[in-house]
Amino acid sequence: MTQIKQTAPLPPLTLSPVANGNGTETHTGKTAIEEAVRTILHHIGENPDRDGLRRTPERIARMYDELTAGYHVDPVELVNDALFDVNYNEMVLVKNIDFYSLCEHHMLPFFGQAHVAYIPNGKVIGLSKIPRIVEMFARRLQVQERMTTQIAELLEEVLQPRGVAVVVEGVHMCSAMRGVKKANARMVTSTVTGAFQSNPKTRAEFMEHLSRRGWDD
C-alpha cells in the first residue's frame, strides 16, 4: 500500500497573479446592494415596500454574498495545509464535482459538473481541496472557459505535476431562459497540460475514466 505522509513543513506557497485572481479582495458592505435592488424593483414597475418585496433587497444582498464568496477565499490558505509527499505517479482523478456559478454577462446561474485529474510529480493535494478549488472559482462572476483554465492553472502552480486535465460541463440559464432559449444545451470546456496534452494514451485514459458509469448510475 502506498504510504502518504504530510510534508515537513512545506515552504510558504506563493501564487502568481493569474492563479491568485482577485480571491483576496476585501469584502464590501451589503447596503449598496440593497439600495440597488430597490432601484431595480422600482424601475421594473414594482413597489419595493409591499409585503412580498420588503425584505427582498436584504435577501438578495445575502444571496450575492454567498454566491460570490470565492472572491474572498485566499488560495494560499486554501491549499497550504494539504500538500503531501507521496510515492505515486499514476493519474489522480476527482470527477462529478457539482458546481454553481453566475454568468458575468447576465448574472444568471450556470451549473454542472467538473472533472479534475492530475499526474503527481512527488506531491499530491488533499482530496477535499480539489472540490474546494472548483468552488472557489465557481463562486464568482464567471465564464465557463475562464473557470476551467483557472482550476487547471492553480493545480499546475501548486503541485507542479506531470500534467493536469480539467473538463467542465455546464448548463447556462442565460441561454435557457432568454435569448436562444435552448434549455437542453450543454457546454463542455477543457484545459489540459503536460502529459495530458503531449501523450495521446494519457488523454485517452482520462477520457475513458470519464465515460465510465458511476456506482449509483
C-alpha atoms as a PDB file:
ATOM      1  CA  MET A   1       0.000   0.000   0.000  1.00  0.00           C
ATOM      2  CA  THR A   2       1.231   3.467  -0.816  1.00  0.00           C
ATOM      3  CA  GLN A   3       2.191   5.405   2.287  1.00  0.00           C
ATOM      4  CA  ILE A   4       1.205   9.072   2.365  1.00  0.00           C
ATOM      5  CA  LYS A   5       2.745  11.456   4.851  1.00  0.00           C
ATOM      6  CA  GLN A   6       2.438  15.177   5.312  1.00  0.00           C
ATOM      7  CA  THR A   7       5.389  17.188   4.109  1.00  0.00           C
ATOM      8  CA  ALA A   8       7.559  18.563   6.848  1.00  0.00           C
ATOM      9  CA  PRO A   9       6.931  21.569   6.810  1.00  0.00           C
ATOM     10  CA  LEU A  10       6.403  22.948   3.315  1.00  0.00           C
ATOM     11  CA  PRO A  11       7.812  26.350   2.415  1.00  0.00           C
ATOM     12  CA  PRO A  12       5.133  29.030   2.210  1.00  0.00           C
ATOM     13  CA  LEU A  13       3.186  28.805  -1.013  1.00  0.00           C
ATOM     14  CA  THR A  14       3.117  31.860  -3.242  1.00  0.00           C
ATOM     15  CA  LEU A  15       0.937  32.067  -6.318  1.00  0.00           C
ATOM     16  CA  SER A  16       1.163  34.185  -9.423  1.00  0.00           C
ATOM     17  CA  PRO A  17      -1.495  36.846 -10.082  1.00  0.00           C
ATOM     18  CA  VAL A  18      -3.010  34.604 -12.772  1.00  0.00           C
ATOM     19  CA  ALA A  19      -3.726  31.796 -10.318  1.00  0.00           C
ATOM     20  CA  ASN A  20      -4.497  34.103  -7.432  1.00  0.00           C
ATOM     21  CA  GLY A  21      -7.024  36.161  -9.373  1.00  0.00           C
ATOM     22  CA  ASN A  22      -8.811  38.573  -7.058  1.00  0.00           C
ATOM     23  CA  GLY A  23      -9.565  35.916  -4.476  1.00  0.00           C
ATOM     24  CA  THR A  24      -8.097  38.018  -1.690  1.00  0.00           C
ATOM     25  CA  GLU A  25     -10.177  41.117  -2.362  1.00  0.00           C
ATOM     26  CA  THR A  26     -11.716  42.709   0.709  1.00  0.00           C
ATOM     27  CA  HIS A  27     -15.454  42.372   1.234  1.00  0.00           C
ATOM     28  CA  THR A  28     -17.752  45.360   0.807  1.00  0.00           C
ATOM     29  CA  GLY A  29     -20.962  46.062   2.732  1.00  0.00           C
ATOM     30  CA  LYS A  30     -24.418  44.982   1.671  1.00  0.00           C
ATOM     31  CA  THR A  31     -26.174  48.332   1.999  1.00  0.00           C
ATOM     32  CA  ALA A  32     -25.267  49.491  -1.516  1.00  0.00           C
ATOM     33  CA  ILE A  33     -26.547  46.215  -2.977  1.00  0.00           C
ATOM     34  CA  GLU A  34     -29.826  46.566  -1.090  1.00  0.00           C
ATOM     35  CA  GLU A  35     -30.310  50.096  -2.397  1.00  0.00           C
ATOM     36  CA  ALA A  36     -29.507  48.970  -5.942  1.00  0.00           C
ATOM     37  CA  VAL A  37     -32.093  46.186  -5.713  1.00  0.00           C
ATOM     38  CA  ARG A  38     -34.716  48.664  -4.522  1.00  0.00           C
ATOM     39  CA  THR A  39     -33.898  50.823  -7.546  1.00  0.00           C
ATOM     40  CA  ILE A  40     -34.264  47.859  -9.913  1.00  0.00           C
ATOM     41  CA  LEU A  41     -37.594  46.878  -8.370  1.00  0.00           C
ATOM     42  CA  HIS A  42     -38.847  50.423  -8.769  1.00  0.00           C
ATOM     43  CA  HIS A  43     -37.764  50.684 -12.414  1.00  0.00           C
ATOM     44  CA  ILE A  44     -39.390  47.396 -13.457  1.00  0.00           C
ATOM     45  CA  GLY A  45     -42.678  48.717 -12.091  1.00  0.00           C
ATOM     46  CA  GLU A  46     -42.749  47.069  -8.668  1.00  0.00           C
ATOM     47  CA  ASN A  47     -43.274  48.516  -5.223  1.00  0.00           C
ATOM     48  CA  PRO A  48     -40.253  47.570  -3.097  1.00  0.00           C
ATOM     49  CA  ASP A  49     -42.227  48.385   0.057  1.00  0.00           C
ATOM     50  CA  ARG A  50     -45.054  45.903  -0.452  1.00  0.00           C
ATOM     51  CA  ASP A  51     -45.178  42.889   1.863  1.00  0.00           C
ATOM     52  CA  GLY A  52     -43.711  40.324  -0.534  1.00  0.00           C
ATOM     53  CA  LEU A  53     -40.786  42.536  -1.523  1.00  0.00           C
ATOM     54  CA  ARG A  54     -39.988  44.453   1.644  1.00  0.00           C
ATOM     55  CA  ARG A  55     -37.119  42.165   2.618  1.00  0.00           C
ATOM     56  CA  THR A  56     -36.143  41.167  -0.919  1.00  0.00           C
ATOM     57  CA  PRO A  57     -33.204  43.621  -1.146  1.00  0.00           C
ATOM     58  CA  GLU A  58     -31.792  42.209   2.098  1.00  0.00           C
ATOM     59  CA  ARG A  59     -32.237  38.630   0.876  1.00  0.00           C
ATOM     60  CA  ILE A  60     -30.603  39.364  -2.466  1.00  0.00           C
ATOM     61  CA  ALA A  61     -27.644  41.031  -0.759  1.00  0.00           C
ATOM     62  CA  ARG A  62     -27.163  37.913   1.379  1.00  0.00           C
ATOM     63  CA  MET A  63     -27.545  35.726  -1.700  1.00  0.00           C
ATOM     64  CA  TYR A  64     -24.823  37.550  -3.617  1.00  0.00           C
ATOM     65  CA  ASP A  65     -22.622  37.411  -0.544  1.00  0.00           C
ATOM     66  CA  GLU A  66     -22.892  33.620  -0.707  1.00  0.00           C
ATOM     67  CA  LEU A  67     -22.742  33.221  -4.493  1.00  0.00           C
ATOM     68  CA  THR A  68     -19.638  35.412  -4.827  1.00  0.00           C
ATOM     69  CA  ALA A  69     -17.817  34.112  -1.752  1.00  0.00           C
ATOM     70  CA  GLY A  70     -14.970  32.879  -3.959  1.00  0.00           C
ATOM     71  CA  TYR A  71     -13.663  36.430  -4.297  1.00  0.00           C
ATOM     72  CA  HIS A  72     -12.812  36.362  -0.603  1.00  0.00           C
ATOM     73  CA  VAL A  73     -11.044  32.985  -0.438  1.00  0.00           C
ATOM     74  CA  ASP A  74      -7.248  33.127  -0.338  1.00  0.00           C
ATOM     75  CA  PRO A  75      -5.976  30.217  -2.480  1.00  0.00           C
ATOM     76  CA  VAL A  76      -2.742  30.091  -0.486  1.00  0.00           C
ATOM     77  CA  GLU A  77      -4.632  29.459   2.746  1.00  0.00           C
ATOM     78  CA  LEU A  78      -6.939  27.054   0.945  1.00  0.00           C
ATOM     79  CA  VAL A  79      -4.213  24.618  -0.136  1.00  0.00           C
ATOM     80  CA  ASN A  80      -1.149  25.264   2.024  1.00  0.00           C
ATOM     81  CA  ASP A  81      -2.001  22.768   4.785  1.00  0.00           C
ATOM     82  CA  ALA A  82      -2.950  19.909   2.453  1.00  0.00           C
ATOM     83  CA  LEU A  83       0.118  19.121   0.345  1.00  0.00           C
ATOM     84  CA  PHE A  84       1.637  15.693   0.863  1.00  0.00           C
ATOM     85  CA  ASP A  85       4.714  13.788  -0.263  1.00  0.00           C
ATOM     86  CA  VAL A  86       3.714  10.532  -1.925  1.00  0.00           C
ATOM     87  CA  ASN A  87       5.405   7.846  -4.000  1.00  0.00           C
ATOM     88  CA  TYR A  88       2.677   7.637  -6.633  1.00  0.00           C
ATOM     89  CA  ASN A  89       2.988   8.541 -10.293  1.00  0.00           C
ATOM     90  CA  GLU A  90      -0.308   7.440 -11.836  1.00  0.00           C
ATOM     91  CA  MET A  91      -3.382   9.516 -12.591  1.00  0.00           C
ATOM     92  CA  VAL A  92      -5.449  11.034  -9.777  1.00  0.00           C
ATOM     93  CA  LEU A  93      -8.997  11.881 -10.862  1.00  0.00           C
ATOM     94  CA  VAL A  94     -11.861  13.514  -8.987  1.00  0.00           C
ATOM     95  CA  LYS A  95     -14.961  13.596 -11.155  1.00  0.00           C
ATOM     96  CA  ASN A  96     -18.601  14.650 -10.933  1.00  0.00           C
ATOM     97  CA  ILE A  97     -17.863  17.705  -8.780  1.00  0.00           C
ATOM     98  CA  ASP A  98     -21.099  19.692  -8.688  1.00  0.00           C
ATOM     99  CA  PHE A  99     -20.782  23.455  -9.013  1.00  0.00           C
ATOM    100  CA  TYR A 100     -22.997  26.544  -9.281  1.00  0.00           C
ATOM    101  CA  SER A 101     -21.807  29.851 -10.682  1.00  0.00           C
ATOM    102  CA  LEU A 102     -23.063  33.134 -12.146  1.00  0.00           C
ATOM    103  CA  CYS A 103     -22.545  34.162 -15.756  1.00  0.00           C
ATOM    104  CA  GLU A 104     -20.767  37.512 -15.764  1.00  0.00           C
ATOM    105  CA  HIS A 105     -22.692  38.718 -18.822  1.00  0.00           C
ATOM    106  CA  HIS A 106     -26.240  38.447 -17.449  1.00  0.00           C
ATOM    107  CA  MET A 107     -25.611  37.421 -13.807  1.00  0.00           C
ATOM    108  CA  LEU A 108     -27.815  34.376 -14.357  1.00  0.00           C
ATOM    109  CA  PRO A 109     -26.812  30.966 -12.976  1.00  0.00           C
ATOM    110  CA  PHE A 110     -24.883  28.304 -14.781  1.00  0.00           C
ATOM    111  CA  PHE A 111     -24.239  24.962 -13.154  1.00  0.00           C
ATOM    112  CA  GLY A 112     -22.969  21.480 -13.845  1.00  0.00           C
ATOM    113  CA  GLN A 113     -20.059  19.220 -13.019  1.00  0.00           C
ATOM    114  CA  ALA A 114     -16.279  19.489 -13.124  1.00  0.00           C
ATOM    115  CA  HIS A 115     -13.865  16.603 -13.634  1.00  0.00           C
ATOM    116  CA  VAL A 116     -10.289  17.212 -12.494  1.00  0.00           C
ATOM    117  CA  ALA A 117      -7.246  14.972 -12.962  1.00  0.00           C
ATOM    118  CA  TYR A 118      -3.514  15.309 -12.472  1.00  0.00           C
ATOM    119  CA  ILE A 119      -0.426  13.102 -12.573  1.00  0.00           C
ATOM    120  CA  PRO A 120       1.685  13.677  -9.446  1.00  0.00           C
ATOM    121  CA  ASN A 121       5.328  14.605  -9.541  1.00  0.00           C
ATOM    122  CA  GLY A 122       6.183  13.676  -5.960  1.00  0.00           C
ATOM    123  CA  LYS A 123       3.396  15.673  -4.347  1.00  0.00           C
ATOM    124  CA  VAL A 124      -0.382  15.311  -4.028  1.00  0.00           C
ATOM    125  CA  ILE A 125      -3.128  17.555  -2.695  1.00  0.00           C
ATOM    126  CA  GLY A 126      -5.733  16.532  -0.127  1.00  0.00           C
ATOM    127  CA  LEU A 127      -8.836  15.044  -1.720  1.00  0.00           C
ATOM    128  CA  SER A 128     -11.268  17.642  -0.368  1.00  0.00           C
ATOM    129  CA  LYS A 129      -9.180  20.519  -1.716  1.00  0.00           C
ATOM    130  CA  ILE A 130      -9.975  19.825  -5.368  1.00  0.00           C
ATOM    131  CA  PRO A 131     -13.744  20.360  -4.912  1.00  0.00           C
ATOM    132  CA  ARG A 132     -12.920  23.408  -2.774  1.00  0.00           C
ATOM    133  CA  ILE A 133     -10.778  24.844  -5.581  1.00  0.00           C
ATOM    134  CA  VAL A 134     -13.648  24.313  -8.024  1.00  0.00           C
ATOM    135  CA  GLU A 135     -15.994  26.002  -5.546  1.00  0.00           C
ATOM    136  CA  MET A 136     -13.642  28.956  -5.059  1.00  0.00           C
ATOM    137  CA  PHE A 137     -13.551  29.752  -8.765  1.00  0.00           C
ATOM    138  CA  ALA A 138     -17.242  28.961  -9.329  1.00  0.00           C
ATOM    139  CA  ARG A 139     -18.409  31.332  -6.589  1.00  0.00           C
ATOM    140  CA  ARG A 140     -17.614  34.404  -8.668  1.00  0.00           C
ATOM    141  CA  LEU A 141     -18.967  36.129 -11.740  1.00  0.00           C
ATOM    142  CA  GLN A 142     -17.563  33.807 -14.373  1.00  0.00           C
ATOM    143  CA  VAL A 143     -17.409  32.485 -17.869  1.00  0.00           C
ATOM    144  CA  GLN A 144     -17.043  28.730 -18.056  1.00  0.00           C
ATOM    145  CA  GLU A 145     -13.949  28.874 -20.260  1.00  0.00           C
ATOM    146  CA  ARG A 146     -12.034  31.018 -17.776  1.00  0.00           C
ATOM    147  CA  MET A 147     -13.155  28.973 -14.781  1.00  0.00           C
ATOM    148  CA  THR A 148     -11.880  25.800 -16.444  1.00  0.00           C
ATOM    149  CA  THR A 149      -8.489  27.369 -17.084  1.00  0.00           C
ATOM    150  CA  GLN A 150      -8.223  28.863 -13.586  1.00  0.00           C
ATOM    151  CA  ILE A 151      -8.755  25.472 -11.948  1.00  0.00           C
ATOM    152  CA  ALA A 152      -6.015  23.927 -14.082  1.00  0.00           C
ATOM    153  CA  GLU A 153      -3.597  26.823 -13.581  1.00  0.00           C
ATOM    154  CA  LEU A 154      -3.905  26.753  -9.813  1.00  0.00           C
ATOM    155  CA  LEU A 155      -3.269  22.996  -9.629  1.00  0.00           C
ATOM    156  CA  GLU A 156      -0.367  23.369 -12.049  1.00  0.00           C
ATOM    157  CA  GLU A 157       1.229  26.048  -9.912  1.00  0.00           C
ATOM    158  CA  VAL A 158       0.574  24.391  -6.548  1.00  0.00           C
ATOM    159  CA  LEU A 159       1.603  20.843  -7.449  1.00  0.00           C
ATOM    160  CA  GLN A 160       3.955  21.275 -10.415  1.00  0.00           C
ATOM    161  CA  PRO A 161       2.642  17.909 -11.622  1.00  0.00           C
ATOM    162  CA  ARG A 162       3.438  15.958 -14.770  1.00  0.00           C
ATOM    163  CA  GLY A 163       0.103  17.077 -16.171  1.00  0.00           C
ATOM    164  CA  VAL A 164      -3.350  18.453 -15.373  1.00  0.00           C
ATOM    165  CA  ALA A 165      -6.687  17.887 -17.103  1.00  0.00           C
ATOM    166  CA  VAL A 166      -9.930  19.713 -16.330  1.00  0.00           C
ATOM    167  CA  VAL A 167     -13.262  19.160 -18.071  1.00  0.00           C
ATOM    168  CA  VAL A 168     -16.316  21.225 -17.121  1.00  0.00           C
ATOM    169  CA  GLU A 169     -19.873  20.549 -18.279  1.00  0.00           C
ATOM    170  CA  GLY A 170     -22.381  23.345 -17.733  1.00  0.00           C
ATOM    171  CA  VAL A 171     -25.995  24.338 -18.297  1.00  0.00           C
ATOM    172  CA  HIS A 172     -26.404  28.096 -18.743  1.00  0.00           C
ATOM    173  CA  MET A 173     -29.624  29.832 -17.759  1.00  0.00           C
ATOM    174  CA  CYS A 174     -28.709  32.824 -19.923  1.00  0.00           C
ATOM    175  CA  SER A 175     -29.287  30.632 -22.993  1.00  0.00           C
ATOM    176  CA  ALA A 176     -32.107  28.539 -21.496  1.00  0.00           C
ATOM    177  CA  MET A 177     -34.347  31.291 -20.039  1.00  0.00           C
ATOM    178  CA  ARG A 178     -33.689  34.085 -22.523  1.00  0.00           C
ATOM    179  CA  GLY A 179     -32.140  34.714 -25.912  1.00  0.00           C
ATOM    180  CA  VAL A 180     -31.924  31.475 -27.883  1.00  0.00           C
ATOM    181  CA  LYS A 181     -33.983  29.607 -25.208  1.00  0.00           C
ATOM    182  CA  LYS A 182     -32.336  26.197 -25.660  1.00  0.00           C
ATOM    183  CA  ALA A 183     -32.890  24.532 -22.295  1.00  0.00           C
ATOM    184  CA  ASN A 184     -31.198  21.234 -23.199  1.00  0.00           C
ATOM    185  CA  ALA A 185     -27.931  22.697 -24.500  1.00  0.00           C
ATOM    186  CA  ARG A 186     -24.806  21.688 -22.582  1.00  0.00           C
ATOM    187  CA  MET A 187     -21.480  23.473 -22.803  1.00  0.00           C
ATOM    188  CA  VAL A 188     -18.268  21.453 -22.410  1.00  0.00           C
ATOM    189  CA  THR A 189     -14.886  23.111 -21.860  1.00  0.00           C
ATOM    190  CA  SER A 190     -11.479  21.581 -21.209  1.00  0.00           C
ATOM    191  CA  THR A 191      -7.929  22.524 -20.321  1.00  0.00           C
ATOM    192  CA  VAL A 192      -5.050  20.038 -20.498  1.00  0.00           C
ATOM    193  CA  THR A 193      -1.359  20.451 -19.720  1.00  0.00           C
ATOM    194  CA  GLY A 194       1.752  18.304 -19.629  1.00  0.00           C
ATOM    195  CA  ALA A 195       1.270  14.592 -20.273  1.00  0.00           C
ATOM    196  CA  PHE A 196      -2.443  15.051 -20.940  1.00  0.00           C
ATOM    197  CA  GLN A 197      -1.537  17.367 -23.800  1.00  0.00           C
ATOM    198  CA  SER A 198       1.524  15.583 -25.189  1.00  0.00           C
ATOM    199  CA  ASN A 199       0.632  11.906 -24.690  1.00  0.00           C
ATOM    200  CA  PRO A 200      -2.435  10.601 -26.552  1.00  0.00           C
ATOM    201  CA  LYS A 201      -2.557   7.493 -24.346  1.00  0.00           C
ATOM    202  CA  THR A 202      -2.764   9.595 -21.183  1.00  0.00           C
ATOM    203  CA  ARG A 203      -5.516  11.723 -22.646  1.00  0.00           C
ATOM    204  CA  ALA A 204      -7.375   8.589 -23.807  1.00  0.00           C
ATOM    205  CA  GLU A 205      -7.129   7.066 -20.320  1.00  0.00           C
ATOM    206  CA  PHE A 206      -8.579  10.238 -18.830  1.00  0.00           C
ATOM    207  CA  MET A 207     -11.489  10.236 -21.269  1.00  0.00           C
ATOM    208  CA  GLU A 208     -12.106   6.532 -20.621  1.00  0.00           C
ATOM    209  CA  HIS A 209     -12.386   7.207 -16.882  1.00  0.00           C
ATOM    210  CA  LEU A 210     -14.885   9.988 -17.566  1.00  0.00           C
ATOM    211  CA  SER A 211     -17.040   7.719 -19.707  1.00  0.00           C
ATOM    212  CA  ARG A 212     -17.361   5.030 -17.042  1.00  0.00           C
ATOM    213  CA  ARG A 213     -20.648   4.885 -15.218  1.00  0.00           C
ATOM    214  CA  GLY A 214     -20.620   5.672 -11.507  1.00  0.00           C
ATOM    215  CA  TRP A 215     -21.573   3.367  -8.662  1.00  0.00           C
ATOM    216  CA  ASP A 216     -25.082   4.777  -8.419  1.00  0.00           C
ATOM    217  CA  ASP A 217     -25.819   5.050 -12.171  1.00  0.00           C
END
